[in-house]
Amino acid sequence: MITNLRPNPSAAMIGRVAKVKSLEPITSTCAPSPADVVEYSEKKILLRVRRYMATGTIVQLHLDGNFSLWKVFCCVETGETFHIGLELVKLVSKAG
């Protein structure tokens, strides 16, 4: 069995709770919704959310004190929730 002894910073984000908010005019007045991080890398993230988000939607993401803008590239129904794939558009503010 081969094991990876290097720490994986992406693994530390999996399972974290984030807040996501659609910036479309109809829904932008709503409060941010909770989201669970399923997969994470510096440029892409997969979240579990409770509602559908259309491909191309720009969203605000609040995660570990960072605020960033992302674009939805996929949304897949998974029973009562949805997995949304996001691509980084811009890191607006960084914690610390």
N, C-alpha and C. Protein backbone atom coordinates (compact mmCIF):
# COMPACT_ATOMS: atom_id res chain seq x y z
N MET A 1 0.84 -1.17 0.00
CA MET A 1 0.00 0.00 0.00
C MET A 1 0.89 1.24 0.00
N ILE A 2 0.59 2.16 -0.90
CA ILE A 2 1.32 3.42 -0.97
C ILE A 2 0.52 4.48 -0.24
N THR A 3 1.19 5.23 0.62
CA THR A 3 0.50 6.30 1.33
C THR A 3 1.17 7.62 1.01
N ASN A 4 0.39 8.66 1.04
CA ASN A 4 0.90 10.01 0.79
C ASN A 4 1.17 10.66 2.14
N LEU A 5 2.42 10.94 2.44
CA LEU A 5 2.79 11.50 3.74
C LEU A 5 2.71 13.02 3.76
N ARG A 6 2.60 13.65 2.58
CA ARG A 6 2.49 15.11 2.54
C ARG A 6 1.08 15.53 2.94
N PRO A 7 0.95 16.61 3.73
CA PRO A 7 -0.39 17.07 4.08
C PRO A 7 -1.10 17.61 2.85
N ASN A 8 -2.38 17.38 2.78
CA ASN A 8 -3.19 17.85 1.66
C ASN A 8 -4.07 18.98 2.15
N PRO A 9 -3.73 20.26 1.84
CA PRO A 9 -4.52 21.39 2.34
C PRO A 9 -5.96 21.36 1.84
N SER A 10 -6.20 20.78 0.68
CA SER A 10 -7.56 20.70 0.16
C SER A 10 -8.42 19.80 1.02
N ALA A 11 -7.86 18.75 1.57
CA ALA A 11 -8.60 17.81 2.41
C ALA A 11 -9.12 18.50 3.67
N ALA A 12 -8.41 19.51 4.15
CA ALA A 12 -8.83 20.22 5.35
C ALA A 12 -10.12 21.01 5.12
N MET A 13 -10.46 21.33 3.90
CA MET A 13 -11.66 22.10 3.58
C MET A 13 -12.89 21.21 3.44
N ILE A 14 -12.70 19.94 3.10
CA ILE A 14 -13.83 19.04 2.88
C ILE A 14 -14.58 18.83 4.20
N GLY A 15 -15.88 18.97 4.14
CA GLY A 15 -16.71 18.84 5.33
C GLY A 15 -17.00 20.16 6.03
N ARG A 16 -16.32 21.23 5.62
CA ARG A 16 -16.55 22.54 6.22
C ARG A 16 -17.90 23.08 5.77
N VAL A 17 -18.44 23.98 6.56
CA VAL A 17 -19.69 24.65 6.20
C VAL A 17 -19.35 26.02 5.65
N ALA A 18 -19.94 26.35 4.51
CA ALA A 18 -19.75 27.64 3.87
C ALA A 18 -21.11 28.32 3.76
N LYS A 19 -21.10 29.58 3.33
CA LYS A 19 -22.33 30.30 3.01
C LYS A 19 -22.23 30.70 1.55
N VAL A 20 -23.31 30.46 0.80
CA VAL A 20 -23.33 30.76 -0.62
C VAL A 20 -24.56 31.61 -0.92
N LYS A 21 -24.38 32.62 -1.78
CA LYS A 21 -25.48 33.52 -2.14
C LYS A 21 -25.44 33.79 -3.63
N SER A 22 -26.55 33.54 -4.31
CA SER A 22 -26.68 33.82 -5.73
C SER A 22 -26.75 35.32 -5.94
N LEU A 23 -26.09 35.82 -6.97
CA LEU A 23 -26.11 37.25 -7.26
C LEU A 23 -27.05 37.61 -8.41
N GLU A 24 -27.96 36.71 -8.75
CA GLU A 24 -28.95 37.02 -9.76
C GLU A 24 -29.95 38.00 -9.17
N PRO A 25 -30.46 38.94 -9.99
CA PRO A 25 -31.33 40.00 -9.46
C PRO A 25 -32.54 39.50 -8.68
N ILE A 26 -33.14 38.40 -9.08
CA ILE A 26 -34.35 37.91 -8.41
C ILE A 26 -34.04 37.37 -7.02
N THR A 27 -32.90 36.71 -6.85
CA THR A 27 -32.58 36.07 -5.57
C THR A 27 -31.55 36.81 -4.74
N SER A 28 -31.01 37.91 -5.23
CA SER A 28 -29.91 38.56 -4.52
C SER A 28 -30.35 39.23 -3.23
N THR A 29 -31.66 39.37 -2.99
CA THR A 29 -32.13 39.95 -1.73
C THR A 29 -32.22 38.91 -0.62
N CYS A 30 -32.07 37.65 -0.94
CA CYS A 30 -32.13 36.58 0.05
C CYS A 30 -30.83 36.51 0.85
N ALA A 31 -30.93 36.00 2.06
CA ALA A 31 -29.74 35.79 2.89
C ALA A 31 -28.92 34.65 2.30
N PRO A 32 -27.61 34.61 2.60
CA PRO A 32 -26.78 33.48 2.15
C PRO A 32 -27.31 32.16 2.71
N SER A 33 -27.18 31.10 1.93
CA SER A 33 -27.63 29.77 2.34
C SER A 33 -26.44 28.94 2.80
N PRO A 34 -26.66 28.05 3.78
CA PRO A 34 -25.57 27.16 4.19
C PRO A 34 -25.25 26.15 3.09
N ALA A 35 -24.00 25.76 3.00
CA ALA A 35 -23.54 24.79 2.01
C ALA A 35 -22.44 23.95 2.64
N ASP A 36 -22.39 22.67 2.29
CA ASP A 36 -21.34 21.78 2.77
C ASP A 36 -20.31 21.59 1.67
N VAL A 37 -19.03 21.70 2.02
CA VAL A 37 -17.95 21.50 1.05
C VAL A 37 -17.77 20.00 0.83
N VAL A 38 -17.92 19.56 -0.43
CA VAL A 38 -17.77 18.15 -0.79
C VAL A 38 -16.38 17.90 -1.36
N GLU A 39 -15.92 18.77 -2.26
CA GLU A 39 -14.57 18.72 -2.83
C GLU A 39 -14.05 20.14 -2.94
N TYR A 40 -12.72 20.30 -2.86
CA TYR A 40 -12.14 21.64 -2.86
C TYR A 40 -10.76 21.65 -3.51
N SER A 41 -10.50 22.66 -4.34
CA SER A 41 -9.17 22.98 -4.82
C SER A 41 -9.10 24.50 -4.89
N GLU A 42 -7.96 25.05 -5.24
CA GLU A 42 -7.83 26.50 -5.27
C GLU A 42 -8.71 27.16 -6.33
N LYS A 43 -8.98 26.47 -7.42
CA LYS A 43 -9.73 27.06 -8.54
C LYS A 43 -11.15 26.53 -8.69
N LYS A 44 -11.47 25.39 -8.06
CA LYS A 44 -12.80 24.80 -8.18
C LYS A 44 -13.24 24.23 -6.83
N ILE A 45 -14.56 24.19 -6.67
CA ILE A 45 -15.12 23.67 -5.42
C ILE A 45 -16.46 23.00 -5.74
N LEU A 46 -16.78 21.96 -5.00
CA LEU A 46 -18.07 21.27 -5.14
C LEU A 46 -18.79 21.40 -3.81
N LEU A 47 -20.00 21.98 -3.84
CA LEU A 47 -20.78 22.20 -2.63
C LEU A 47 -22.08 21.42 -2.67
N ARG A 48 -22.58 21.03 -1.50
CA ARG A 48 -23.91 20.45 -1.36
C ARG A 48 -24.81 21.56 -0.84
N VAL A 49 -25.88 21.87 -1.59
CA VAL A 49 -26.82 22.93 -1.23
C VAL A 49 -28.25 22.39 -1.30
N ARG A 50 -29.19 23.18 -0.82
CA ARG A 50 -30.59 22.73 -0.78
C ARG A 50 -31.41 23.18 -1.99
N ARG A 51 -30.86 24.04 -2.87
CA ARG A 51 -31.65 24.49 -4.01
C ARG A 51 -30.84 24.46 -5.29
N TYR A 52 -31.56 24.39 -6.40
CA TYR A 52 -30.95 24.37 -7.73
C TYR A 52 -30.36 25.74 -8.05
N MET A 53 -29.21 25.74 -8.71
CA MET A 53 -28.61 26.98 -9.23
C MET A 53 -28.22 26.74 -10.68
N ALA A 54 -28.65 27.63 -11.54
CA ALA A 54 -28.42 27.48 -12.98
C ALA A 54 -26.95 27.67 -13.34
N THR A 55 -26.50 26.93 -14.35
CA THR A 55 -25.15 27.08 -14.87
C THR A 55 -24.95 28.53 -15.32
N GLY A 56 -23.80 29.10 -14.96
CA GLY A 56 -23.49 30.48 -15.31
C GLY A 56 -23.81 31.48 -14.22
N THR A 57 -24.54 31.06 -13.18
CA THR A 57 -24.88 31.94 -12.07
C THR A 57 -23.62 32.35 -11.31
N ILE A 58 -23.49 33.62 -11.00
CA ILE A 58 -22.37 34.11 -10.18
C ILE A 58 -22.84 34.09 -8.73
N VAL A 59 -21.99 33.55 -7.85
CA VAL A 59 -22.34 33.44 -6.43
C VAL A 59 -21.22 34.01 -5.56
N GLN A 60 -21.61 34.52 -4.40
CA GLN A 60 -20.66 34.91 -3.36
C GLN A 60 -20.46 33.69 -2.49
N LEU A 61 -19.21 33.45 -2.10
CA LEU A 61 -18.92 32.33 -1.20
C LEU A 61 -18.14 32.85 -0.01
N HIS A 62 -18.63 32.54 1.17
CA HIS A 62 -17.95 32.88 2.43
C HIS A 62 -17.47 31.56 3.02
N LEU A 63 -16.15 31.39 3.13
CA LEU A 63 -15.58 30.15 3.64
C LEU A 63 -14.31 30.46 4.41
N ASP A 64 -14.27 30.05 5.67
CA ASP A 64 -13.10 30.26 6.54
C ASP A 64 -12.62 31.70 6.55
N GLY A 65 -13.54 32.65 6.60
CA GLY A 65 -13.18 34.06 6.66
C GLY A 65 -12.86 34.68 5.32
N ASN A 66 -12.81 33.90 4.25
CA ASN A 66 -12.56 34.43 2.91
C ASN A 66 -13.88 34.72 2.21
N PHE A 67 -13.88 35.76 1.41
CA PHE A 67 -15.04 36.14 0.62
C PHE A 67 -14.59 36.14 -0.84
N SER A 68 -15.29 35.38 -1.68
CA SER A 68 -14.88 35.27 -3.08
C SER A 68 -16.09 35.13 -4.00
N LEU A 69 -15.86 35.38 -5.28
CA LEU A 69 -16.90 35.25 -6.30
C LEU A 69 -16.61 34.02 -7.15
N TRP A 70 -17.63 33.22 -7.42
CA TRP A 70 -17.51 31.98 -8.17
C TRP A 70 -18.61 31.91 -9.21
N LYS A 71 -18.40 31.09 -10.24
CA LYS A 71 -19.40 30.87 -11.28
C LYS A 71 -19.80 29.40 -11.28
N VAL A 72 -21.11 29.15 -11.31
CA VAL A 72 -21.64 27.78 -11.33
C VAL A 72 -21.36 27.16 -12.70
N PHE A 73 -20.65 26.00 -12.72
CA PHE A 73 -20.43 25.32 -13.99
C PHE A 73 -21.24 24.03 -14.10
N CYS A 74 -21.83 23.56 -12.99
CA CYS A 74 -22.74 22.41 -13.05
C CYS A 74 -23.58 22.38 -11.79
N CYS A 75 -24.76 21.77 -11.92
CA CYS A 75 -25.65 21.59 -10.78
C CYS A 75 -26.35 20.25 -10.99
N VAL A 76 -26.13 19.31 -10.05
CA VAL A 76 -26.65 17.96 -10.19
C VAL A 76 -27.53 17.64 -8.99
N GLU A 77 -28.75 17.18 -9.26
CA GLU A 77 -29.66 16.80 -8.18
C GLU A 77 -29.15 15.51 -7.52
N THR A 78 -29.13 15.50 -6.19
CA THR A 78 -28.67 14.33 -5.43
C THR A 78 -29.70 14.01 -4.36
N GLY A 79 -30.88 13.60 -4.78
CA GLY A 79 -31.96 13.34 -3.83
C GLY A 79 -32.63 14.65 -3.44
N GLU A 80 -32.57 14.99 -2.14
CA GLU A 80 -33.20 16.22 -1.65
C GLU A 80 -32.26 17.42 -1.70
N THR A 81 -31.03 17.22 -2.13
CA THR A 81 -30.06 18.32 -2.23
C THR A 81 -29.48 18.37 -3.64
N PHE A 82 -28.61 19.34 -3.86
CA PHE A 82 -27.94 19.50 -5.15
C PHE A 82 -26.44 19.64 -4.91
N HIS A 83 -25.64 19.12 -5.81
CA HIS A 83 -24.20 19.38 -5.82
C HIS A 83 -23.98 20.44 -6.88
N ILE A 84 -23.35 21.56 -6.47
CA ILE A 84 -23.03 22.60 -7.44
C ILE A 84 -21.52 22.69 -7.57
N GLY A 85 -21.05 22.69 -8.82
CA GLY A 85 -19.64 22.86 -9.10
C GLY A 85 -19.38 24.33 -9.39
N LEU A 86 -18.37 24.90 -8.74
CA LEU A 86 -18.05 26.32 -8.90
C LEU A 86 -16.63 26.50 -9.40
N GLU A 87 -16.43 27.50 -10.26
CA GLU A 87 -15.11 27.92 -10.73
C GLU A 87 -14.82 29.29 -10.15
N LEU A 88 -13.60 29.49 -9.64
CA LEU A 88 -13.24 30.77 -9.04
C LEU A 88 -13.24 31.88 -10.08
N VAL A 89 -13.90 32.98 -9.75
CA VAL A 89 -13.88 34.18 -10.59
C VAL A 89 -12.91 35.18 -9.99
N LYS A 90 -13.07 35.44 -8.66
CA LYS A 90 -12.22 36.44 -8.01
C LYS A 90 -12.24 36.26 -6.49
N LEU A 91 -11.05 36.27 -5.89
CA LEU A 91 -10.93 36.29 -4.43
C LEU A 91 -11.03 37.75 -4.01
N VAL A 92 -12.10 38.10 -3.30
CA VAL A 92 -12.35 39.50 -2.94
C VAL A 92 -11.62 39.90 -1.68
N SER A 93 -11.68 39.07 -0.64
CA SER A 93 -10.95 39.37 0.59
C SER A 93 -10.46 38.09 1.20
N LYS A 94 -9.29 38.15 1.81
CA LYS A 94 -8.68 36.99 2.42
C LYS A 94 -8.58 37.21 3.92
N ALA A 95 -8.87 36.18 4.69
CA ALA A 95 -8.80 36.27 6.15
C ALA A 95 -7.37 36.48 6.60
N GLY A 96 -7.25 37.22 7.68
CA GLY A 96 -5.92 37.40 8.27
C GLY A 96 -5.26 38.54 7.74
